[in-house]
mmCIF file of all heavy atoms, coordinates in Angstrom:
data_MODEL
# 
_entry.id   MODEL 
# 
loop_
_atom_site.group_PDB 
_atom_site.id 
_atom_site.type_symbol 
_atom_site.label_atom_id 
_atom_site.label_alt_id 
_atom_site.label_comp_id 
_atom_site.label_asym_id 
_atom_site.label_entity_id 
_atom_site.label_seq_id 
_atom_site.pdbx_PDB_ins_code 
_atom_site.Cartn_x 
_atom_site.Cartn_y 
_atom_site.Cartn_z 
_atom_site.occupancy 
_atom_site.B_iso_or_equiv 
_atom_site.pdbx_formal_charge 
_atom_site.auth_seq_id 
_atom_site.auth_comp_id 
_atom_site.auth_asym_id 
_atom_site.auth_atom_id 
_atom_site.pdbx_PDB_model_num 
ATOM 1   N N   . ALA A 1 1  ? 5.264   -15.875 7.285   1.00 0.00 ? 1  ALA A N   1 
ATOM 2   C CA  . ALA A 1 1  ? 5.064   -14.491 6.850   1.00 0.00 ? 1  ALA A CA  1 
ATOM 3   C C   . ALA A 1 1  ? 3.592   -14.104 6.865   1.00 0.00 ? 1  ALA A C   1 
ATOM 4   O O   . ALA A 1 1  ? 3.236   -12.973 7.234   1.00 0.00 ? 1  ALA A O   1 
ATOM 5   C CB  . ALA A 1 1  ? 5.643   -14.299 5.451   1.00 0.00 ? 1  ALA A CB  1 
ATOM 6   N N   . GLU A 1 2  ? 2.712   -15.019 6.469   1.00 0.00 ? 2  GLU A N   1 
ATOM 7   C CA  . GLU A 1 2  ? 1.287   -14.718 6.480   1.00 0.00 ? 2  GLU A CA  1 
ATOM 8   C C   . GLU A 1 2  ? 0.781   -14.487 7.902   1.00 0.00 ? 2  GLU A C   1 
ATOM 9   O O   . GLU A 1 2  ? -0.090  -13.650 8.146   1.00 0.00 ? 2  GLU A O   1 
ATOM 10  C CB  . GLU A 1 2  ? 0.506   -15.849 5.819   1.00 0.00 ? 2  GLU A CB  1 
ATOM 11  C CG  . GLU A 1 2  ? 0.716   -15.912 4.307   1.00 0.00 ? 2  GLU A CG  1 
ATOM 12  C CD  . GLU A 1 2  ? 0.028   -17.103 3.681   1.00 0.00 ? 2  GLU A CD  1 
ATOM 13  O OE1 . GLU A 1 2  ? -1.158  -16.985 3.318   1.00 0.00 ? 2  GLU A OE1 1 
ATOM 14  O OE2 . GLU A 1 2  ? 0.680   -18.165 3.549   1.00 0.00 ? 2  GLU A OE2 1 
ATOM 15  N N   . ARG A 1 3  ? 1.340   -15.237 8.853   1.00 0.00 ? 3  ARG A N   1 
ATOM 16  C CA  . ARG A 1 3  ? 0.900   -15.110 10.234  1.00 0.00 ? 3  ARG A CA  1 
ATOM 17  C C   . ARG A 1 3  ? 1.543   -13.888 10.907  1.00 0.00 ? 3  ARG A C   1 
ATOM 18  O O   . ARG A 1 3  ? 0.873   -13.175 11.666  1.00 0.00 ? 3  ARG A O   1 
ATOM 19  C CB  . ARG A 1 3  ? 1.202   -16.408 10.991  1.00 0.00 ? 3  ARG A CB  1 
ATOM 20  C CG  . ARG A 1 3  ? 0.448   -17.585 10.381  1.00 0.00 ? 3  ARG A CG  1 
ATOM 21  C CD  . ARG A 1 3  ? 0.652   -18.882 11.126  1.00 0.00 ? 3  ARG A CD  1 
ATOM 22  N NE  . ARG A 1 3  ? 0.130   -20.010 10.367  1.00 0.00 ? 3  ARG A NE  1 
ATOM 23  C CZ  . ARG A 1 3  ? -1.142  -20.407 10.343  1.00 0.00 ? 3  ARG A CZ  1 
ATOM 24  N NH1 . ARG A 1 3  ? -2.043  -19.750 11.046  1.00 0.00 ? 3  ARG A NH1 1 
ATOM 25  N NH2 . ARG A 1 3  ? -1.514  -21.443 9.628   1.00 0.00 ? 3  ARG A NH2 1 
ATOM 26  N N   . ARG A 1 4  ? 2.808   -13.628 10.591  1.00 0.00 ? 4  ARG A N   1 
ATOM 27  C CA  . ARG A 1 4  ? 3.485   -12.485 11.207  1.00 0.00 ? 4  ARG A CA  1 
ATOM 28  C C   . ARG A 1 4  ? 3.022   -11.158 10.624  1.00 0.00 ? 4  ARG A C   1 
ATOM 29  O O   . ARG A 1 4  ? 2.772   -10.195 11.355  1.00 0.00 ? 4  ARG A O   1 
ATOM 30  C CB  . ARG A 1 4  ? 5.005   -12.616 11.034  1.00 0.00 ? 4  ARG A CB  1 
ATOM 31  C CG  . ARG A 1 4  ? 5.794   -11.430 11.595  1.00 0.00 ? 4  ARG A CG  1 
ATOM 32  C CD  . ARG A 1 4  ? 7.275   -11.717 11.592  1.00 0.00 ? 4  ARG A CD  1 
ATOM 33  N NE  . ARG A 1 4  ? 8.084   -10.570 11.932  1.00 0.00 ? 4  ARG A NE  1 
ATOM 34  C CZ  . ARG A 1 4  ? 8.323   -10.138 13.179  1.00 0.00 ? 4  ARG A CZ  1 
ATOM 35  N NH1 . ARG A 1 4  ? 7.785   -10.779 14.198  1.00 0.00 ? 4  ARG A NH1 1 
ATOM 36  N NH2 . ARG A 1 4  ? 9.079   -9.081  13.405  1.00 0.00 ? 4  ARG A NH2 1 
ATOM 37  N N   . TYR A 1 5  ? 2.904   -11.085 9.304   1.00 0.00 ? 5  TYR A N   1 
ATOM 38  C CA  . TYR A 1 5  ? 2.585   -9.816  8.653   1.00 0.00 ? 5  TYR A CA  1 
ATOM 39  C C   . TYR A 1 5  ? 1.125   -9.706  8.220   1.00 0.00 ? 5  TYR A C   1 
ATOM 40  O O   . TYR A 1 5  ? 0.604   -8.594  8.082   1.00 0.00 ? 5  TYR A O   1 
ATOM 41  C CB  . TYR A 1 5  ? 3.490   -9.605  7.431   1.00 0.00 ? 5  TYR A CB  1 
ATOM 42  C CG  . TYR A 1 5  ? 4.944   -9.515  7.812   1.00 0.00 ? 5  TYR A CG  1 
ATOM 43  C CD1 . TYR A 1 5  ? 5.802   -10.597 7.608   1.00 0.00 ? 5  TYR A CD1 1 
ATOM 44  C CD2 . TYR A 1 5  ? 5.466   -8.372  8.414   1.00 0.00 ? 5  TYR A CD2 1 
ATOM 45  C CE1 . TYR A 1 5  ? 7.145   -10.525 7.977   1.00 0.00 ? 5  TYR A CE1 1 
ATOM 46  C CE2 . TYR A 1 5  ? 6.790   -8.298  8.795   1.00 0.00 ? 5  TYR A CE2 1 
ATOM 47  C CZ  . TYR A 1 5  ? 7.628   -9.379  8.571   1.00 0.00 ? 5  TYR A CZ  1 
ATOM 48  O OH  . TYR A 1 5  ? 8.945   -9.313  8.950   1.00 0.00 ? 5  TYR A OH  1 
ATOM 49  N N   . GLY A 1 6  ? 0.479   -10.847 8.010   1.00 0.00 ? 6  GLY A N   1 
ATOM 50  C CA  . GLY A 1 6  ? -0.899  -10.825 7.536   1.00 0.00 ? 6  GLY A CA  1 
ATOM 51  C C   . GLY A 1 6  ? -1.938  -11.066 8.600   1.00 0.00 ? 6  GLY A C   1 
ATOM 52  O O   . GLY A 1 6  ? -3.137  -11.102 8.296   1.00 0.00 ? 6  GLY A O   1 
ATOM 53  N N   . GLY A 1 7  ? -1.505  -11.235 9.851   1.00 0.00 ? 7  GLY A N   1 
ATOM 54  C CA  . GLY A 1 7  ? -2.455  -11.393 10.943  1.00 0.00 ? 7  GLY A CA  1 
ATOM 55  C C   . GLY A 1 7  ? -3.238  -12.686 10.915  1.00 0.00 ? 7  GLY A C   1 
ATOM 56  O O   . GLY A 1 7  ? -4.292  -12.793 11.558  1.00 0.00 ? 7  GLY A O   1 
ATOM 57  N N   . VAL A 1 8  ? -2.756  -13.698 10.187  1.00 0.00 ? 8  VAL A N   1 
ATOM 58  C CA  . VAL A 1 8  ? -3.464  -14.967 10.111  1.00 0.00 ? 8  VAL A CA  1 
ATOM 59  C C   . VAL A 1 8  ? -3.364  -15.673 11.463  1.00 0.00 ? 8  VAL A C   1 
ATOM 60  O O   . VAL A 1 8  ? -2.274  -15.799 12.030  1.00 0.00 ? 8  VAL A O   1 
ATOM 61  C CB  . VAL A 1 8  ? -2.892  -15.859 8.995   1.00 0.00 ? 8  VAL A CB  1 
ATOM 62  C CG1 . VAL A 1 8  ? -3.617  -17.200 8.950   1.00 0.00 ? 8  VAL A CG1 1 
ATOM 63  C CG2 . VAL A 1 8  ? -2.997  -15.145 7.651   1.00 0.00 ? 8  VAL A CG2 1 
ATOM 64  N N   . LEU A 1 9  ? -4.495  -16.130 11.962  1.00 0.00 ? 9  LEU A N   1 
ATOM 65  C CA  . LEU A 1 9  ? -4.531  -16.766 13.274  1.00 0.00 ? 9  LEU A CA  1 
ATOM 66  C C   . LEU A 1 9  ? -3.961  -18.183 13.216  1.00 0.00 ? 9  LEU A C   1 
ATOM 67  O O   . LEU A 1 9  ? -3.918  -18.812 12.169  1.00 0.00 ? 9  LEU A O   1 
ATOM 68  C CB  . LEU A 1 9  ? -5.959  -16.785 13.804  1.00 0.00 ? 9  LEU A CB  1 
ATOM 69  C CG  . LEU A 1 9  ? -6.623  -15.403 13.956  1.00 0.00 ? 9  LEU A CG  1 
ATOM 70  C CD1 . LEU A 1 9  ? -8.046  -15.548 14.465  1.00 0.00 ? 9  LEU A CD1 1 
ATOM 71  C CD2 . LEU A 1 9  ? -5.802  -14.490 14.856  1.00 0.00 ? 9  LEU A CD2 1 
ATOM 72  N N   . ASP A 1 10 ? -3.559  -18.661 14.391  1.00 0.00 ? 10 ASP A N   1 
ATOM 73  C CA  . ASP A 1 10 ? -2.849  -19.929 14.465  1.00 0.00 ? 10 ASP A CA  1 
ATOM 74  C C   . ASP A 1 10 ? -3.683  -21.106 13.987  1.00 0.00 ? 10 ASP A C   1 
ATOM 75  O O   . ASP A 1 10 ? -3.146  -22.110 13.514  1.00 0.00 ? 10 ASP A O   1 
ATOM 76  C CB  . ASP A 1 10 ? -2.382  -20.175 15.903  1.00 0.00 ? 10 ASP A CB  1 
ATOM 77  C CG  . ASP A 1 10 ? -1.219  -21.143 15.985  1.00 0.00 ? 10 ASP A CG  1 
ATOM 78  O OD1 . ASP A 1 10 ? -0.337  -21.088 15.113  1.00 0.00 ? 10 ASP A OD1 1 
ATOM 79  O OD2 . ASP A 1 10 ? -1.205  -21.970 16.916  1.00 0.00 ? 10 ASP A OD2 1 
ATOM 80  N N   . ASP A 1 11 ? -5.020  -21.004 14.111  1.00 0.00 ? 11 ASP A N   1 
ATOM 81  C CA  . ASP A 1 11 ? -5.879  -22.123 13.728  1.00 0.00 ? 11 ASP A CA  1 
ATOM 82  C C   . ASP A 1 11 ? -6.559  -21.903 12.382  1.00 0.00 ? 11 ASP A C   1 
ATOM 83  O O   . ASP A 1 11 ? -7.544  -22.573 12.064  1.00 0.00 ? 11 ASP A O   1 
ATOM 84  C CB  . ASP A 1 11 ? -6.940  -22.382 14.806  1.00 0.00 ? 11 ASP A CB  1 
ATOM 85  C CG  . ASP A 1 11 ? -7.878  -21.193 14.997  1.00 0.00 ? 11 ASP A CG  1 
ATOM 86  O OD1 . ASP A 1 11 ? -7.582  -20.093 14.487  1.00 0.00 ? 11 ASP A OD1 1 
ATOM 87  O OD2 . ASP A 1 11 ? -8.919  -21.365 15.673  1.00 0.00 ? 11 ASP A OD2 1 
ATOM 88  N N   . GLU A 1 12 ? -6.044  -20.991 11.562  1.00 0.00 ? 12 GLU A N   1 
ATOM 89  C CA  . GLU A 1 12 ? -6.678  -20.687 10.277  1.00 0.00 ? 12 GLU A CA  1 
ATOM 90  C C   . GLU A 1 12 ? -5.922  -21.297 9.109   1.00 0.00 ? 12 GLU A C   1 
ATOM 91  O O   . GLU A 1 12 ? -4.688  -21.321 9.082   1.00 0.00 ? 12 GLU A O   1 
ATOM 92  C CB  . GLU A 1 12 ? -6.778  -19.174 10.075  1.00 0.00 ? 12 GLU A CB  1 
ATOM 93  C CG  . GLU A 1 12 ? -7.826  -18.517 10.955  1.00 0.00 ? 12 GLU A CG  1 
ATOM 94  C CD  . GLU A 1 12 ? -7.953  -17.030 10.701  1.00 0.00 ? 12 GLU A CD  1 
ATOM 95  O OE1 . GLU A 1 12 ? -6.915  -16.382 10.422  1.00 0.00 ? 12 GLU A OE1 1 
ATOM 96  O OE2 . GLU A 1 12 ? -9.074  -16.510 10.807  1.00 0.00 ? 12 GLU A OE2 1 
ATOM 97  N N   . MET A 1 13 ? -6.690  -21.770 8.136   1.00 0.00 ? 13 MET A N   1 
ATOM 98  C CA  . MET A 1 13 ? -6.182  -22.173 6.835   1.00 0.00 ? 13 MET A CA  1 
ATOM 99  C C   . MET A 1 13 ? -6.774  -21.212 5.804   1.00 0.00 ? 13 MET A C   1 
ATOM 100 O O   . MET A 1 13 ? -7.672  -20.431 6.118   1.00 0.00 ? 13 MET A O   1 
ATOM 101 C CB  . MET A 1 13 ? -6.564  -23.621 6.522   1.00 0.00 ? 13 MET A CB  1 
ATOM 102 C CG  . MET A 1 13 ? -6.095  -24.614 7.565   1.00 0.00 ? 13 MET A CG  1 
ATOM 103 S SD  . MET A 1 13 ? -6.574  -26.312 7.189   1.00 0.00 ? 13 MET A SD  1 
ATOM 104 C CE  . MET A 1 13 ? -5.370  -26.709 5.904   1.00 0.00 ? 13 MET A CE  1 
ATOM 105 N N   . LEU A 1 14 ? -6.255  -21.274 4.581   1.00 0.00 ? 14 LEU A N   1 
ATOM 106 C CA  . LEU A 1 14 ? -6.712  -20.360 3.531   1.00 0.00 ? 14 LEU A CA  1 
ATOM 107 C C   . LEU A 1 14 ? -7.135  -21.142 2.295   1.00 0.00 ? 14 LEU A C   1 
ATOM 108 O O   . LEU A 1 14 ? -6.385  -21.977 1.801   1.00 0.00 ? 14 LEU A O   1 
ATOM 109 C CB  . LEU A 1 14 ? -5.608  -19.367 3.174   1.00 0.00 ? 14 LEU A CB  1 
ATOM 110 C CG  . LEU A 1 14 ? -5.898  -18.389 2.026   1.00 0.00 ? 14 LEU A CG  1 
ATOM 111 C CD1 . LEU A 1 14 ? -7.126  -17.528 2.326   1.00 0.00 ? 14 LEU A CD1 1 
ATOM 112 C CD2 . LEU A 1 14 ? -4.684  -17.500 1.759   1.00 0.00 ? 14 LEU A CD2 1 
ATOM 113 N N   . MET A 1 15 ? -8.347  -20.852 1.831   1.00 0.00 ? 15 MET A N   1 
ATOM 114 C CA  . MET A 1 15 ? -8.840  -21.418 0.577   1.00 0.00 ? 15 MET A CA  1 
ATOM 115 C C   . MET A 1 15 ? -8.882  -20.314 -0.471  1.00 0.00 ? 15 MET A C   1 
ATOM 116 O O   . MET A 1 15 ? -9.364  -19.203 -0.204  1.00 0.00 ? 15 MET A O   1 
ATOM 117 C CB  . MET A 1 15 ? -10.242 -21.999 0.773   1.00 0.00 ? 15 MET A CB  1 
ATOM 118 C CG  . MET A 1 15 ? -10.910 -22.500 -0.500  1.00 0.00 ? 15 MET A CG  1 
ATOM 119 S SD  . MET A 1 15 ? -10.104 -23.938 -1.262  1.00 0.00 ? 15 MET A SD  1 
ATOM 120 C CE  . MET A 1 15 ? -10.659 -25.248 -0.153  1.00 0.00 ? 15 MET A CE  1 
ATOM 121 N N   . ALA A 1 16 ? -8.383  -20.621 -1.667  1.00 0.00 ? 16 ALA A N   1 
ATOM 122 C CA  . ALA A 1 16 ? -8.471  -19.708 -2.802  1.00 0.00 ? 16 ALA A CA  1 
ATOM 123 C C   . ALA A 1 16 ? -8.992  -20.513 -3.990  1.00 0.00 ? 16 ALA A C   1 
ATOM 124 O O   . ALA A 1 16 ? -8.512  -21.626 -4.246  1.00 0.00 ? 16 ALA A O   1 
ATOM 125 C CB  . ALA A 1 16 ? -7.096  -19.116 -3.126  1.00 0.00 ? 16 ALA A CB  1 
ATOM 126 N N   . LEU A 1 17 ? -9.953  -19.953 -4.702  1.00 0.00 ? 17 LEU A N   1 
ATOM 127 C CA  . LEU A 1 17 ? -10.557 -20.711 -5.791  1.00 0.00 ? 17 LEU A CA  1 
ATOM 128 C C   . LEU A 1 17 ? -11.301 -19.785 -6.742  1.00 0.00 ? 17 LEU A C   1 
ATOM 129 O O   . LEU A 1 17 ? -11.727 -18.693 -6.347  1.00 0.00 ? 17 LEU A O   1 
ATOM 130 C CB  . LEU A 1 17 ? -11.492 -21.779 -5.252  1.00 0.00 ? 17 LEU A CB  1 
ATOM 131 C CG  . LEU A 1 17 ? -12.841 -21.397 -4.626  1.00 0.00 ? 17 LEU A CG  1 
ATOM 132 C CD1 . LEU A 1 17 ? -13.649 -22.658 -4.323  1.00 0.00 ? 17 LEU A CD1 1 
ATOM 133 C CD2 . LEU A 1 17 ? -12.712 -20.566 -3.372  1.00 0.00 ? 17 LEU A CD2 1 
ATOM 134 N N   . PRO A 1 18 ? -11.464 -20.184 -8.005  1.00 0.00 ? 18 PRO A N   1 
ATOM 135 C CA  . PRO A 1 18 ? -12.295 -19.391 -8.902  1.00 0.00 ? 18 PRO A CA  1 
ATOM 136 C C   . PRO A 1 18 ? -13.702 -19.264 -8.325  1.00 0.00 ? 18 PRO A C   1 
ATOM 137 O O   . PRO A 1 18 ? -14.237 -20.224 -7.758  1.00 0.00 ? 18 PRO A O   1 
ATOM 138 C CB  . PRO A 1 18 ? -12.288 -20.228 -10.193 1.00 0.00 ? 18 PRO A CB  1 
ATOM 139 C CG  . PRO A 1 18 ? -10.996 -20.987 -10.137 1.00 0.00 ? 18 PRO A CG  1 
ATOM 140 C CD  . PRO A 1 18 ? -10.824 -21.329 -8.692  1.00 0.00 ? 18 PRO A CD  1 
ATOM 141 N N   . PRO A 1 19 ? -14.315 -18.099 -8.419  1.00 0.00 ? 19 PRO A N   1 
ATOM 142 C CA  . PRO A 1 19 ? -15.583 -17.863 -7.716  1.00 0.00 ? 19 PRO A CA  1 
ATOM 143 C C   . PRO A 1 19 ? -16.732 -18.743 -8.181  1.00 0.00 ? 19 PRO A C   1 
ATOM 144 O O   . PRO A 1 19 ? -17.701 -18.925 -7.436  1.00 0.00 ? 19 PRO A O   1 
ATOM 145 C CB  . PRO A 1 19 ? -15.865 -16.381 -7.986  1.00 0.00 ? 19 PRO A CB  1 
ATOM 146 C CG  . PRO A 1 19 ? -15.068 -16.050 -9.203  1.00 0.00 ? 19 PRO A CG  1 
ATOM 147 C CD  . PRO A 1 19 ? -13.851 -16.901 -9.140  1.00 0.00 ? 19 PRO A CD  1 
ATOM 148 N N   . GLU A 1 20 ? -16.640 -19.309 -9.386  1.00 0.00 ? 20 GLU A N   1 
ATOM 149 C CA  . GLU A 1 20 ? -17.743 -20.147 -9.851  1.00 0.00 ? 20 GLU A CA  1 
ATOM 150 C C   . GLU A 1 20 ? -17.902 -21.429 -9.038  1.00 0.00 ? 20 GLU A C   1 
ATOM 151 O O   . GLU A 1 20 ? -18.942 -22.096 -9.103  1.00 0.00 ? 20 GLU A O   1 
ATOM 152 C CB  . GLU A 1 20 ? -17.568 -20.503 -11.333 1.00 0.00 ? 20 GLU A CB  1 
ATOM 153 C CG  . GLU A 1 20 ? -16.278 -21.217 -11.689 1.00 0.00 ? 20 GLU A CG  1 
ATOM 154 C CD  . GLU A 1 20 ? -15.180 -20.280 -12.158 1.00 0.00 ? 20 GLU A CD  1 
ATOM 155 O OE1 . GLU A 1 20 ? -15.213 -19.086 -11.769 1.00 0.00 ? 20 GLU A OE1 1 
ATOM 156 O OE2 . GLU A 1 20 ? -14.303 -20.738 -12.907 1.00 0.00 ? 20 GLU A OE2 1 
ATOM 157 N N   . TYR A 1 21 ? -16.894 -21.781 -8.237  1.00 0.00 ? 21 TYR A N   1 
ATOM 158 C CA  . TYR A 1 21 ? -17.012 -22.951 -7.368  1.00 0.00 ? 21 TYR A CA  1 
ATOM 159 C C   . TYR A 1 21 ? -17.864 -22.680 -6.126  1.00 0.00 ? 21 TYR A C   1 
ATOM 160 O O   . TYR A 1 21 ? -18.343 -23.619 -5.485  1.00 0.00 ? 21 TYR A O   1 
ATOM 161 C CB  . TYR A 1 21 ? -15.623 -23.412 -6.904  1.00 0.00 ? 21 TYR A CB  1 
ATOM 162 C CG  . TYR A 1 21 ? -14.831 -24.180 -7.931  1.00 0.00 ? 21 TYR A CG  1 
ATOM 163 C CD1 . TYR A 1 21 ? -14.008 -23.519 -8.835  1.00 0.00 ? 21 TYR A CD1 1 
ATOM 164 C CD2 . TYR A 1 21 ? -14.880 -25.569 -7.990  1.00 0.00 ? 21 TYR A CD2 1 
ATOM 165 C CE1 . TYR A 1 21 ? -13.264 -24.213 -9.777  1.00 0.00 ? 21 TYR A CE1 1 
ATOM 166 C CE2 . TYR A 1 21 ? -14.141 -26.279 -8.923  1.00 0.00 ? 21 TYR A CE2 1 
ATOM 167 C CZ  . TYR A 1 21 ? -13.333 -25.595 -9.824  1.00 0.00 ? 21 TYR A CZ  1 
ATOM 168 O OH  . TYR A 1 21 ? -12.597 -26.281 -10.751 1.00 0.00 ? 21 TYR A OH  1 
ATOM 169 N N   . LEU A 1 22 ? -18.032 -21.419 -5.751  1.00 0.00 ? 22 LEU A N   1 
ATOM 170 C CA  . LEU A 1 22 ? -18.714 -21.110 -4.495  1.00 0.00 ? 22 LEU A CA  1 
ATOM 171 C C   . LEU A 1 22 ? -20.184 -21.546 -4.476  1.00 0.00 ? 22 LEU A C   1 
ATOM 172 O O   . LEU A 1 22 ? -20.623 -22.173 -3.498  1.00 0.00 ? 22 LEU A O   1 
ATOM 173 C CB  . LEU A 1 22 ? -18.583 -19.624 -4.180  1.00 0.00 ? 22 LEU A CB  1 
ATOM 174 C CG  . LEU A 1 22 ? -17.177 -19.130 -3.833  1.00 0.00 ? 22 LEU A CG  1 
ATOM 175 C CD1 . LEU A 1 22 ? -17.193 -17.622 -3.588  1.00 0.00 ? 22 LEU A CD1 1 
ATOM 176 C CD2 . LEU A 1 22 ? -16.626 -19.849 -2.609  1.00 0.00 ? 22 LEU A CD2 1 
ATOM 177 N N   . PRO A 1 23 ? -20.984 -21.234 -5.504  1.00 0.00 ? 23 PRO A N   1 
ATOM 178 C CA  . PRO A 1 23 ? -22.379 -21.696 -5.463  1.00 0.00 ? 23 PRO A CA  1 
ATOM 179 C C   . PRO A 1 23 ? -22.480 -23.216 -5.373  1.00 0.00 ? 23 PRO A C   1 
ATOM 180 O O   . PRO A 1 23 ? -23.376 -23.741 -4.693  1.00 0.00 ? 23 PRO A O   1 
ATOM 181 C CB  . PRO A 1 23 ? -22.963 -21.159 -6.778  1.00 0.00 ? 23 PRO A CB  1 
ATOM 182 C CG  . PRO A 1 23 ? -22.119 -19.977 -7.110  1.00 0.00 ? 23 PRO A CG  1 
ATOM 183 C CD  . PRO A 1 23 ? -20.740 -20.358 -6.667  1.00 0.00 ? 23 PRO A CD  1 
ATOM 184 N N   . ARG A 1 24 ? -21.585 -23.915 -6.054  1.00 0.00 ? 24 ARG A N   1 
ATOM 185 C CA  . ARG A 1 24 ? -21.585 -25.380 -5.988  1.00 0.00 ? 24 ARG A CA  1 
ATOM 186 C C   . ARG A 1 24 ? -21.313 -25.870 -4.571  1.00 0.00 ? 24 ARG A C   1 
ATOM 187 O O   . ARG A 1 24 ? -21.987 -26.774 -4.067  1.00 0.00 ? 24 ARG A O   1 
ATOM 188 C CB  . ARG A 1 24 ? -20.540 -25.930 -6.962  1.00 0.00 ? 24 ARG A CB  1 
ATOM 189 C CG  . ARG A 1 24 ? -20.240 -27.403 -6.809  1.00 0.00 ? 24 ARG A CG  1 
ATOM 190 C CD  . ARG A 1 24 ? -19.144 -27.803 -7.785  1.00 0.00 ? 24 ARG A CD  1 
ATOM 191 N NE  . ARG A 1 24 ? -18.438 -29.004 -7.339  1.00 0.00 ? 24 ARG A NE  1 
ATOM 192 C CZ  . ARG A 1 24 ? -17.347 -29.482 -7.937  1.00 0.00 ? 24 ARG A CZ  1 
ATOM 193 N NH1 . ARG A 1 24 ? -16.855 -28.867 -8.998  1.00 0.00 ? 24 ARG A NH1 1 
ATOM 194 N NH2 . ARG A 1 24 ? -16.755 -30.569 -7.467  1.00 0.00 ? 24 ARG A NH2 1 
# 
C-alpha cells in the first residue's frame, strides 16, 4: 500500500523516530 498509494520507491526503506535522536 505504501508503494502503490504513497509513491514509495522500490529501493526505499522508512525510518521513523523521536526527533531528539537526529542530532545524535
